Amino acid sequence: MATVEERVKAIASKKLGVDEVKIEDNFTADLGAESVDSIELVAMFEEEFGIEMDEDAALAVQTVGDAVVFITNVCKEQGVEIEQ
């Protein structure tokens, strides 16, 4: 199983059409995500990890690194096993 970071980067890369996604990348400024992209990313992350995220809180996440931390915490809260 891939780590949360690897999975988040893979989804962002696929959805946003970016070859390389770095942990410090900002979804909008660096990766070009627009509002609809952000909503779709949240849905994709929920599906990938089998979790439900608070949409407002999830949409407030700015960077790939913040998304990794946010998703990790949600997984722990919801009892979903993940690879660190």
N, C-alpha and C. Protein backbone atom coordinates (compact mmCIF):
# COMPACT_ATOMS: atom_id res chain seq x y z
N MET A 1 0.84 -1.19 0.00
CA MET A 1 0.00 0.00 0.00
C MET A 1 0.88 1.25 0.00
N ALA A 2 0.51 2.22 -0.75
CA ALA A 2 1.27 3.47 -0.82
C ALA A 2 0.95 4.33 0.41
N THR A 3 1.86 5.23 0.71
CA THR A 3 1.64 6.15 1.83
C THR A 3 0.57 7.17 1.47
N VAL A 4 0.08 7.87 2.48
CA VAL A 4 -0.91 8.93 2.25
C VAL A 4 -0.32 9.97 1.30
N GLU A 5 0.93 10.35 1.53
CA GLU A 5 1.57 11.35 0.68
C GLU A 5 1.61 10.90 -0.78
N GLU A 6 2.02 9.66 -1.01
CA GLU A 6 2.11 9.14 -2.38
C GLU A 6 0.74 9.11 -3.05
N ARG A 7 -0.27 8.71 -2.30
CA ARG A 7 -1.63 8.63 -2.85
C ARG A 7 -2.19 10.02 -3.16
N VAL A 8 -1.96 10.98 -2.27
CA VAL A 8 -2.43 12.35 -2.49
C VAL A 8 -1.75 12.95 -3.72
N LYS A 9 -0.44 12.76 -3.82
CA LYS A 9 0.30 13.28 -4.98
C LYS A 9 -0.19 12.65 -6.28
N ALA A 10 -0.44 11.34 -6.27
CA ALA A 10 -0.89 10.65 -7.48
C ALA A 10 -2.26 11.17 -7.93
N ILE A 11 -3.17 11.37 -6.99
CA ILE A 11 -4.50 11.86 -7.34
C ILE A 11 -4.42 13.29 -7.86
N ALA A 12 -3.66 14.14 -7.18
CA ALA A 12 -3.51 15.54 -7.62
C ALA A 12 -2.88 15.60 -9.01
N SER A 13 -1.87 14.78 -9.24
CA SER A 13 -1.20 14.76 -10.54
C SER A 13 -2.16 14.35 -11.65
N LYS A 14 -2.92 13.29 -11.39
CA LYS A 14 -3.87 12.80 -12.39
C LYS A 14 -4.97 13.82 -12.67
N LYS A 15 -5.57 14.36 -11.60
CA LYS A 15 -6.70 15.28 -11.74
C LYS A 15 -6.28 16.60 -12.39
N LEU A 16 -5.13 17.11 -12.00
CA LEU A 16 -4.71 18.45 -12.45
C LEU A 16 -3.77 18.41 -13.65
N GLY A 17 -3.40 17.20 -14.10
CA GLY A 17 -2.55 17.07 -15.27
C GLY A 17 -1.15 17.62 -15.07
N VAL A 18 -0.62 17.44 -13.87
CA VAL A 18 0.71 17.93 -13.53
C VAL A 18 1.63 16.72 -13.37
N ASP A 19 2.80 16.76 -14.02
CA ASP A 19 3.72 15.63 -13.96
C ASP A 19 4.30 15.41 -12.57
N GLU A 20 4.78 16.49 -11.95
CA GLU A 20 5.43 16.38 -10.65
C GLU A 20 4.68 17.21 -9.62
N VAL A 21 4.27 16.56 -8.54
CA VAL A 21 3.60 17.23 -7.44
C VAL A 21 4.52 17.15 -6.23
N LYS A 22 4.84 18.31 -5.65
CA LYS A 22 5.73 18.36 -4.50
C LYS A 22 4.91 18.63 -3.23
N ILE A 23 5.44 18.21 -2.11
CA ILE A 23 4.75 18.34 -0.83
C ILE A 23 4.42 19.79 -0.51
N GLU A 24 5.27 20.72 -0.95
CA GLU A 24 5.06 22.13 -0.63
C GLU A 24 4.15 22.85 -1.63
N ASP A 25 3.74 22.18 -2.69
CA ASP A 25 2.90 22.82 -3.72
C ASP A 25 1.56 23.28 -3.17
N ASN A 26 1.17 24.47 -3.59
CA ASN A 26 -0.16 25.01 -3.29
C ASN A 26 -1.08 24.54 -4.41
N PHE A 27 -2.25 24.03 -4.05
CA PHE A 27 -3.15 23.47 -5.06
C PHE A 27 -3.53 24.49 -6.13
N THR A 28 -3.80 25.73 -5.73
CA THR A 28 -4.23 26.73 -6.71
C THR A 28 -3.05 27.45 -7.35
N ALA A 29 -2.15 27.98 -6.53
CA ALA A 29 -1.04 28.79 -7.06
C ALA A 29 -0.04 27.98 -7.86
N ASP A 30 0.32 26.79 -7.38
CA ASP A 30 1.37 25.99 -8.03
C ASP A 30 0.82 24.95 -9.00
N LEU A 31 -0.35 24.40 -8.68
CA LEU A 31 -0.87 23.29 -9.49
C LEU A 31 -2.05 23.69 -10.38
N GLY A 32 -2.51 24.94 -10.24
CA GLY A 32 -3.53 25.46 -11.14
C GLY A 32 -4.95 24.97 -10.88
N ALA A 33 -5.23 24.50 -9.67
CA ALA A 33 -6.58 24.02 -9.35
C ALA A 33 -7.55 25.20 -9.29
N GLU A 34 -8.71 25.02 -9.90
CA GLU A 34 -9.78 26.00 -9.80
C GLU A 34 -10.82 25.46 -8.82
N SER A 35 -11.84 26.24 -8.52
CA SER A 35 -12.84 25.85 -7.52
C SER A 35 -13.42 24.47 -7.78
N VAL A 36 -13.84 24.23 -9.02
CA VAL A 36 -14.44 22.93 -9.34
C VAL A 36 -13.42 21.81 -9.18
N ASP A 37 -12.16 22.07 -9.50
CA ASP A 37 -11.10 21.06 -9.32
C ASP A 37 -10.96 20.70 -7.84
N SER A 38 -11.01 21.72 -7.00
CA SER A 38 -10.85 21.49 -5.56
C SER A 38 -11.97 20.61 -5.02
N ILE A 39 -13.19 20.88 -5.45
CA ILE A 39 -14.33 20.07 -5.01
C ILE A 39 -14.18 18.63 -5.50
N GLU A 40 -13.75 18.47 -6.74
CA GLU A 40 -13.55 17.13 -7.30
C GLU A 40 -12.40 16.40 -6.60
N LEU A 41 -11.36 17.13 -6.23
CA LEU A 41 -10.24 16.52 -5.49
C LEU A 41 -10.71 15.99 -4.14
N VAL A 42 -11.54 16.77 -3.45
CA VAL A 42 -12.07 16.32 -2.16
C VAL A 42 -12.81 15.01 -2.34
N ALA A 43 -13.67 14.94 -3.36
CA ALA A 43 -14.43 13.72 -3.64
C ALA A 43 -13.50 12.55 -3.97
N MET A 44 -12.45 12.82 -4.74
CA MET A 44 -11.50 11.77 -5.11
C MET A 44 -10.73 11.27 -3.88
N PHE A 45 -10.34 12.19 -3.00
CA PHE A 45 -9.64 11.79 -1.77
C PHE A 45 -10.56 10.96 -0.88
N GLU A 46 -11.82 11.36 -0.78
CA GLU A 46 -12.78 10.60 0.03
C GLU A 46 -12.92 9.18 -0.51
N GLU A 47 -13.02 9.07 -1.82
CA GLU A 47 -13.17 7.75 -2.44
C GLU A 47 -11.90 6.91 -2.25
N GLU A 48 -10.75 7.51 -2.48
CA GLU A 48 -9.47 6.81 -2.37
C GLU A 48 -9.25 6.24 -0.97
N PHE A 49 -9.58 7.04 0.04
CA PHE A 49 -9.28 6.66 1.42
C PHE A 49 -10.48 6.05 2.16
N GLY A 50 -11.67 6.09 1.55
CA GLY A 50 -12.84 5.53 2.20
C GLY A 50 -13.27 6.34 3.42
N ILE A 51 -13.18 7.67 3.29
CA ILE A 51 -13.50 8.56 4.41
C ILE A 51 -14.53 9.60 3.97
N GLU A 52 -15.07 10.31 4.95
CA GLU A 52 -15.91 11.47 4.68
C GLU A 52 -15.27 12.67 5.34
N MET A 53 -15.05 13.71 4.55
CA MET A 53 -14.42 14.91 5.07
C MET A 53 -15.43 16.04 5.14
N ASP A 54 -15.27 16.91 6.12
CA ASP A 54 -16.05 18.14 6.17
C ASP A 54 -15.62 18.98 4.98
N GLU A 55 -16.55 19.27 4.07
CA GLU A 55 -16.18 19.92 2.82
C GLU A 55 -15.56 21.30 3.03
N ASP A 56 -16.11 22.10 3.93
CA ASP A 56 -15.54 23.43 4.17
C ASP A 56 -14.12 23.34 4.70
N ALA A 57 -13.90 22.42 5.64
CA ALA A 57 -12.56 22.25 6.21
C ALA A 57 -11.60 21.73 5.14
N ALA A 58 -12.07 20.78 4.34
CA ALA A 58 -11.22 20.21 3.28
C ALA A 58 -10.86 21.25 2.24
N LEU A 59 -11.83 22.09 1.88
CA LEU A 59 -11.56 23.12 0.86
C LEU A 59 -10.66 24.23 1.37
N ALA A 60 -10.51 24.34 2.69
CA ALA A 60 -9.62 25.35 3.27
C ALA A 60 -8.15 24.92 3.21
N VAL A 61 -7.91 23.65 2.92
CA VAL A 61 -6.54 23.13 2.83
C VAL A 61 -5.87 23.74 1.60
N GLN A 62 -4.67 24.28 1.79
CA GLN A 62 -3.99 25.01 0.72
C GLN A 62 -2.91 24.23 -0.02
N THR A 63 -2.15 23.43 0.73
CA THR A 63 -0.99 22.77 0.12
C THR A 63 -1.13 21.25 0.15
N VAL A 64 -0.30 20.60 -0.65
CA VAL A 64 -0.29 19.14 -0.69
C VAL A 64 0.08 18.59 0.69
N GLY A 65 1.05 19.19 1.33
CA GLY A 65 1.46 18.75 2.67
C GLY A 65 0.33 18.88 3.68
N ASP A 66 -0.39 20.00 3.62
CA ASP A 66 -1.53 20.19 4.52
C ASP A 66 -2.61 19.14 4.25
N ALA A 67 -2.81 18.79 2.98
CA ALA A 67 -3.80 17.77 2.63
C ALA A 67 -3.40 16.42 3.21
N VAL A 68 -2.12 16.09 3.17
CA VAL A 68 -1.64 14.83 3.72
C VAL A 68 -1.94 14.77 5.22
N VAL A 69 -1.64 15.85 5.94
CA VAL A 69 -1.89 15.91 7.38
C VAL A 69 -3.39 15.82 7.66
N PHE A 70 -4.18 16.59 6.91
CA PHE A 70 -5.63 16.63 7.09
C PHE A 70 -6.23 15.24 6.87
N ILE A 71 -5.88 14.61 5.77
CA ILE A 71 -6.42 13.29 5.43
C ILE A 71 -5.97 12.24 6.45
N THR A 72 -4.71 12.31 6.87
CA THR A 72 -4.20 11.39 7.89
C THR A 72 -5.03 11.51 9.16
N ASN A 73 -5.31 12.74 9.59
CA ASN A 73 -6.09 12.95 10.81
C ASN A 73 -7.52 12.44 10.66
N VAL A 74 -8.14 12.68 9.50
CA VAL A 74 -9.50 12.20 9.26
C VAL A 74 -9.52 10.67 9.28
N CYS A 75 -8.53 10.06 8.65
CA CYS A 75 -8.45 8.59 8.65
C CYS A 75 -8.37 8.06 10.07
N LYS A 76 -7.54 8.68 10.90
CA LYS A 76 -7.39 8.24 12.29
C LYS A 76 -8.71 8.41 13.04
N GLU A 77 -9.38 9.56 12.85
CA GLU A 77 -10.65 9.83 13.52
C GLU A 77 -11.71 8.81 13.13
N GLN A 78 -11.68 8.38 11.86
CA GLN A 78 -12.71 7.49 11.35
C GLN A 78 -12.30 6.02 11.37
N GLY A 79 -11.13 5.75 11.96
CA GLY A 79 -10.69 4.37 12.12
C GLY A 79 -10.26 3.68 10.83
N VAL A 80 -9.79 4.46 9.87
CA VAL A 80 -9.34 3.91 8.60
C VAL A 80 -7.83 3.68 8.68
N GLU A 81 -7.40 2.44 8.41
CA GLU A 81 -5.98 2.13 8.46
C GLU A 81 -5.26 2.69 7.25
N ILE A 82 -4.13 3.35 7.50
CA ILE A 82 -3.33 3.93 6.43
C ILE A 82 -1.86 3.59 6.68
N GLU A 83 -1.10 3.67 5.62
CA GLU A 83 0.35 3.49 5.75
C GLU A 83 0.97 4.87 5.93
N GLN A 84 1.78 4.98 6.97
CA GLN A 84 2.43 6.26 7.25
C GLN A 84 3.59 6.43 6.31
